[in-house]
């Protein structure tokens, strides 16, 4: 894997990762969760090699080596992704995101219809204020408080993060903890460095999740797969159910015994399905 920096047209730096090779049959752009760095998901690399997939990814603005962009919305990921793909000579690609990366993958599907072959969101959020969705229902109390602070604006969110950030409890399920002590212990390598740099990028993410996204999921015509665990209390599975009802033709896979992390044990199957959807 190579790791380097791209200077964007507006002068910002985007730190990106590329597993190559350049002639791979399919490129998948990985969109990371909150708070993570953008390295592609190591547990999926063997499956990617088997499927002929090249993973490309990047640190969202403010994370790792990417220039902060306060006030960014979810839609802005499409322009950053398109600029990176063009710089690498990649015309068409698929998009995959976990957790907070899910909405960013969907942004690419909605806003880059001529370039995105298929998209998948694993344990991803629905838009804040979505009609017919009780957005907070089933979330942990600490998660609700953190996101409600974001709804109140940057000043309140910054105060909350500095005063209560360490109190956040994801209430991982036993299956989540088993995954975190197994193959998905890899997450420690991308969460720790993201947190050690301070909360600014996390704050920008949460503000983006709770503000208008800049697109509506209903405009997506690209094939979409949604994967969610029914025991998820970080992002309840009702979010993917809502998205499945709004995105034409979307496939919804649920895992009744999985939480926010353990659902990633099905990520290899999701990657295989994404490959098949992109090959239509």
Protein backbone atom coordinates (compact mmCIF):
# COMPACT_ATOMS: atom_id res chain seq x y z
CA UNK A 1 0.00 0.00 0.00
CA UNK A 2 1.21 3.48 -0.82
CA UNK A 3 0.36 6.48 1.32
CA UNK A 4 0.87 9.98 0.00
CA UNK A 5 -0.73 13.40 -0.39
CA UNK A 6 -2.72 15.08 -3.12
CA UNK A 7 -3.05 18.85 -3.48
CA UNK A 8 -6.65 19.64 -4.39
CA UNK A 9 -7.69 22.48 -6.73
CA UNK A 10 -8.65 24.67 -3.74
CA UNK A 11 -5.18 24.22 -2.22
CA UNK A 12 -6.16 21.74 0.48
CA UNK A 13 -4.16 18.56 1.07
CA UNK A 14 -5.87 15.18 0.93
CA UNK A 15 -3.91 12.33 2.46
CA UNK A 16 -4.71 9.17 0.54
CA UNK A 17 -3.95 5.45 0.46
CA UNK A 18 -3.75 3.17 -2.57
CA UNK A 19 -3.39 -0.61 -2.58
CA UNK A 20 -3.02 -0.85 -6.38
CA UNK A 21 -2.48 -2.22 -8.93
CA UNK A 22 -3.49 0.44 -11.40
CA UNK A 23 -4.93 -2.14 -13.80
CA UNK A 24 -7.18 -3.83 -11.21
CA UNK A 25 -10.59 -4.75 -12.68
CA UNK A 26 -12.43 -2.73 -10.00
CA UNK A 27 -11.48 0.15 -7.70
CA UNK A 28 -13.39 0.55 -4.44
CA UNK A 29 -13.12 3.85 -2.58
CA UNK A 30 -13.35 3.28 1.18
CA UNK A 31 -15.02 5.94 3.37
CA UNK A 32 -14.01 5.65 7.01
CA UNK A 33 -16.05 6.04 10.18
CA UNK A 34 -15.86 8.54 13.05
CA UNK A 35 -13.27 9.00 14.43
CA UNK A 36 -10.92 7.06 12.16
CA UNK A 37 -8.04 7.61 9.84
CA UNK A 38 -8.69 6.66 6.24
CA UNK A 39 -6.48 3.62 5.71
CA UNK A 40 -8.36 0.90 3.79
CA UNK A 41 -9.81 -1.93 5.92
CA UNK A 42 -7.00 -4.40 6.43
CA UNK A 43 -9.32 -7.35 7.26
CA UNK A 44 -10.86 -7.02 3.78
CA UNK A 45 -7.61 -6.90 1.83
CA UNK A 46 -7.36 -10.69 1.25
CA UNK A 47 -10.90 -10.74 -0.16
CA UNK A 48 -10.10 -7.68 -2.25
CA UNK A 49 -7.08 -9.46 -3.73
CA UNK A 50 -9.21 -12.50 -4.53
CA UNK A 51 -11.85 -10.36 -6.23
CA UNK A 52 -9.38 -8.20 -8.14
CA UNK A 53 -10.27 -5.06 -6.18
CA UNK A 54 -8.00 -2.07 -5.73
CA UNK A 55 -8.79 -0.18 -2.53
CA UNK A 56 -8.29 3.59 -2.58
CA UNK A 57 -9.15 5.74 0.43
CA UNK A 58 -8.35 9.01 2.14
CA UNK A 59 -8.42 10.83 5.47
CA UNK A 60 -11.51 13.03 5.55
CA UNK A 61 -10.69 16.72 6.03
CA UNK A 62 -9.24 17.34 9.48
CA UNK A 63 -8.16 13.73 10.04
CA UNK A 64 -4.60 12.50 9.69
CA UNK A 65 -2.77 14.32 6.93
CA UNK A 66 -5.79 16.02 5.35
CA UNK A 67 -6.39 19.75 5.70
CA UNK A 68 -9.36 20.65 7.93
CA UNK A 69 -12.45 22.03 6.25
CA UNK A 70 -14.79 23.38 8.95
CA UNK A 71 -18.38 23.57 7.77
CA UNK A 72 -18.04 20.72 5.28
CA UNK A 73 -21.20 18.78 4.51
CA UNK A 74 -21.67 15.15 3.55
CA UNK A 75 -21.99 16.06 -0.13
CA UNK A 76 -18.46 17.51 -0.16
CA UNK A 77 -17.08 13.97 -0.07
CA UNK A 78 -18.18 13.49 -3.67
CA UNK A 79 -15.96 16.29 -4.97
CA UNK A 80 -12.96 15.12 -2.92
CA UNK A 81 -13.45 11.54 -4.08
CA UNK A 82 -13.82 12.59 -7.71
CA UNK A 83 -10.66 14.71 -7.53
CA UNK A 84 -8.68 11.82 -6.04
CA UNK A 85 -9.98 9.31 -8.58
CA UNK A 86 -9.17 11.65 -11.46
CA UNK A 87 -5.66 12.26 -10.13
CA UNK A 88 -5.11 8.49 -10.08
CA UNK A 89 -6.55 8.01 -13.55
CA UNK A 90 -9.60 6.12 -12.25
CA UNK A 91 -12.70 6.89 -14.30
CA UNK A 92 -15.26 4.62 -12.64
CA UNK A 93 -15.31 3.02 -9.20
CA UNK A 94 -17.49 1.69 -6.38
CA UNK A 95 -17.91 3.28 -2.95
CA UNK A 96 -17.97 1.53 0.44
CA UNK A 97 -18.38 3.07 3.88
CA UNK A 98 -18.83 1.92 7.47
CA UNK A 99 -20.69 3.91 10.14
CA UNK A 100 -20.10 7.62 9.43
CA UNK A 101 -18.51 6.57 6.16
CA UNK A 102 -21.85 5.23 4.94
CA UNK A 103 -23.41 8.65 4.20
CA UNK A 104 -20.21 9.73 2.43
CA UNK A 105 -20.33 6.65 0.19
CA UNK A 106 -23.98 7.42 -0.59
CA UNK A 107 -23.02 11.01 -1.45
CA UNK A 108 -20.74 9.66 -4.16
CA UNK A 109 -23.53 7.46 -5.50
CA UNK A 110 -25.97 10.38 -5.58
CA UNK A 111 -23.68 13.08 -6.94
CA UNK A 112 -21.34 11.12 -9.22
CA UNK A 113 -23.83 8.93 -11.12
CA UNK A 114 -21.62 8.68 -14.21
CA UNK A 115 -18.62 7.48 -12.21
CA UNK A 116 -19.93 5.38 -9.32
CA UNK A 117 -20.79 1.84 -10.37
CA UNK A 118 -22.29 0.74 -7.04
CA UNK A 119 -22.20 1.72 -3.37
CA UNK A 120 -22.52 0.00 -0.01
CA UNK A 121 -23.21 1.45 3.42
CA UNK A 122 -22.46 -0.70 6.47
CA UNK A 123 -24.13 0.46 9.73
CA UNK A 124 -24.57 3.91 8.21
CA UNK A 125 -26.68 6.87 9.24
CA UNK A 126 -29.81 8.23 7.60
CA UNK A 127 -30.23 12.01 7.21
CA UNK A 128 -31.02 13.94 10.37
CA UNK A 129 -34.67 14.91 10.54
CA UNK A 130 -35.63 12.24 8.02
CA UNK A 131 -39.39 12.13 7.57
CA UNK A 132 -40.90 9.07 9.22
CA UNK A 133 -37.76 8.16 11.20
CA UNK A 134 -37.26 8.61 14.94
CA UNK A 135 -33.60 9.40 14.39
CA UNK A 136 -32.42 8.93 17.98
CA UNK A 137 -34.56 5.89 18.86
CA UNK A 138 -32.38 3.01 20.03
CA UNK A 139 -29.16 5.03 20.38
CA UNK A 140 -27.10 5.02 23.57
CA UNK A 141 -27.79 7.92 25.92
CA UNK A 142 -24.26 9.24 25.50
CA UNK A 143 -24.58 9.09 21.72
CA UNK A 144 -27.85 10.99 21.81
CA UNK A 145 -26.30 13.70 24.01
CA UNK A 146 -23.30 14.04 21.71
CA UNK A 147 -25.38 14.36 18.55
CA UNK A 148 -27.92 16.69 20.16
CA UNK A 149 -25.01 18.95 21.06
CA UNK A 150 -24.07 18.97 17.36
CA UNK A 151 -27.63 19.95 16.44
CA UNK A 152 -27.27 22.93 18.79
CA UNK A 153 -24.29 24.22 16.80
CA UNK A 154 -20.51 24.28 16.79
CA UNK A 155 -20.04 26.18 20.06
CA UNK A 156 -22.27 23.81 22.02
CA UNK A 157 -20.75 20.76 20.36
CA UNK A 158 -17.20 21.91 21.10
CA UNK A 159 -18.10 22.53 24.74
CA UNK A 160 -19.78 19.14 25.02
CA UNK A 161 -16.86 17.33 23.41
CA UNK A 162 -14.28 18.91 25.67
CA UNK A 163 -16.42 18.45 28.80
CA UNK A 164 -17.97 15.04 28.13
CA UNK A 165 -16.06 13.41 25.30
CA UNK A 166 -14.44 10.86 27.59
CA UNK A 167 -17.87 9.89 28.93
CA UNK A 168 -19.07 8.53 25.60
CA UNK A 169 -20.10 4.87 25.98
CA UNK A 170 -20.82 2.98 22.75
CA UNK A 171 -22.32 0.09 24.75
CA UNK A 172 -20.73 -2.50 22.52
CA UNK A 173 -22.43 -5.88 22.45
CA UNK A 174 -20.52 -9.06 23.38
CA UNK A 175 -20.33 -9.82 19.66
CA UNK A 176 -18.84 -6.35 19.05
CA UNK A 177 -16.19 -6.94 21.69
CA UNK A 178 -15.35 -10.34 20.19
CA UNK A 179 -14.88 -8.72 16.78
CA UNK A 180 -12.70 -6.00 18.29
CA UNK A 181 -10.49 -8.66 19.84
CA UNK A 182 -10.39 -10.62 16.58
CA UNK A 183 -9.80 -9.56 12.97
CA UNK A 184 -11.35 -6.14 13.49
CA UNK A 185 -8.83 -5.24 16.18
CA UNK A 186 -7.40 -3.40 13.17
CA UNK A 187 -9.77 -0.57 14.10
CA UNK A 188 -7.47 0.26 17.01
CA UNK A 189 -4.83 1.31 14.48
CA UNK A 190 -7.11 3.92 12.87
CA UNK A 191 -9.18 5.07 15.87
CA UNK A 192 -6.31 5.72 18.29
CA UNK A 193 -4.33 8.08 16.04
CA UNK A 194 -7.53 9.89 15.02
CA UNK A 195 -8.43 10.53 18.67
CA UNK A 196 -4.90 11.49 19.69
CA UNK A 197 -5.01 14.44 17.30
CA UNK A 198 -7.92 15.99 19.21
CA UNK A 199 -11.68 16.21 18.60
CA UNK A 200 -11.83 18.82 15.82
CA UNK A 201 -12.42 16.39 12.93
CA UNK A 202 -14.92 14.38 14.96
CA UNK A 203 -16.81 17.60 15.67
CA UNK A 204 -16.85 18.45 11.96
CA UNK A 205 -18.21 14.97 11.23
CA UNK A 206 -21.02 15.19 13.80
CA UNK A 207 -21.99 18.66 12.61
CA UNK A 208 -22.22 17.29 9.07
CA UNK A 209 -24.34 14.29 10.09
CA UNK A 210 -26.90 16.52 11.81
CA UNK A 211 -27.06 19.23 9.14
CA UNK A 212 -28.54 19.02 5.62
CA UNK A 213 -26.47 16.52 3.69
CA UNK A 214 -26.49 18.40 0.39
CA UNK A 215 -28.37 15.65 -1.46
CA UNK A 216 -31.37 13.40 -0.94
CA UNK A 217 -30.88 9.61 -0.91
CA UNK A 218 -33.97 9.26 -3.09
CA UNK A 219 -32.05 10.66 -6.07
CA UNK A 220 -29.64 7.71 -6.09
CA UNK A 221 -30.01 5.46 -9.13
CA UNK A 222 -26.76 3.56 -8.67
CA UNK A 223 -27.10 0.03 -7.22
CA UNK A 224 -26.86 0.24 -3.42
CA UNK A 225 -26.36 -2.37 -0.69
CA UNK A 226 -27.20 -1.57 2.93
CA UNK A 227 -25.87 -3.84 5.70
CA UNK A 228 -26.84 -3.36 9.36
CA UNK A 229 -26.89 -5.23 12.66
CA UNK A 230 -30.17 -5.16 14.55
CA UNK A 231 -28.38 -4.85 17.92
CA UNK A 232 -26.52 -1.70 16.88
CA UNK A 233 -26.97 1.07 19.45
CA UNK A 234 -24.53 3.52 17.90
CA UNK A 235 -26.49 3.75 14.64
CA UNK A 236 -29.74 1.79 15.02
CA UNK A 237 -30.73 -0.42 12.11
CA UNK A 238 -33.88 1.69 11.62
CA UNK A 239 -31.58 4.10 9.73
CA UNK A 240 -30.80 1.53 7.04
CA UNK A 241 -34.43 0.42 6.93
CA UNK A 242 -35.38 4.05 6.22
CA UNK A 243 -32.72 4.36 3.52
CA UNK A 244 -33.86 1.10 1.90
CA UNK A 245 -37.37 2.51 1.56
CA UNK A 246 -36.10 5.70 -0.08
CA UNK A 247 -33.30 4.54 -2.40
CA UNK A 248 -34.80 2.92 -5.50
CA UNK A 249 -33.82 -0.73 -5.80
CA UNK A 250 -31.59 -0.74 -2.70
CA UNK A 251 -30.78 -4.12 -1.15
CA UNK A 252 -31.02 -4.37 2.64
CA UNK A 253 -29.17 -7.04 4.57
CA UNK A 254 -29.79 -7.23 8.31
CA UNK A 255 -27.96 -9.31 10.87
CA UNK A 256 -30.19 -9.89 13.93
CA UNK A 257 -27.40 -10.78 16.36
CA UNK A 258 -24.85 -8.14 15.33
CA UNK A 259 -23.97 -4.73 16.68
CA UNK A 260 -22.07 -1.81 15.20
CA UNK A 261 -18.71 -3.61 14.96
CA UNK A 262 -19.63 -7.28 14.73
CA UNK A 263 -21.65 -6.58 11.59
CA UNK A 264 -18.26 -6.14 9.94
CA UNK A 265 -17.87 -9.91 10.12
CA UNK A 266 -20.27 -9.84 7.14
CA UNK A 267 -18.26 -7.15 5.36
CA UNK A 268 -16.46 -9.68 3.14
CA UNK A 269 -19.84 -10.89 1.84
CA UNK A 270 -20.87 -7.26 1.32
CA UNK A 271 -17.66 -6.57 -0.60
CA UNK A 272 -18.35 -9.57 -2.82
CA UNK A 273 -21.88 -8.32 -3.46
CA UNK A 274 -20.59 -4.81 -4.17
CA UNK A 275 -18.22 -6.32 -6.71
CA UNK A 276 -21.12 -8.13 -8.37
CA UNK A 277 -23.33 -5.02 -8.40
CA UNK A 278 -20.52 -2.98 -9.97
CA UNK A 279 -20.09 -5.63 -12.66
CA UNK A 280 -23.70 -5.43 -13.88
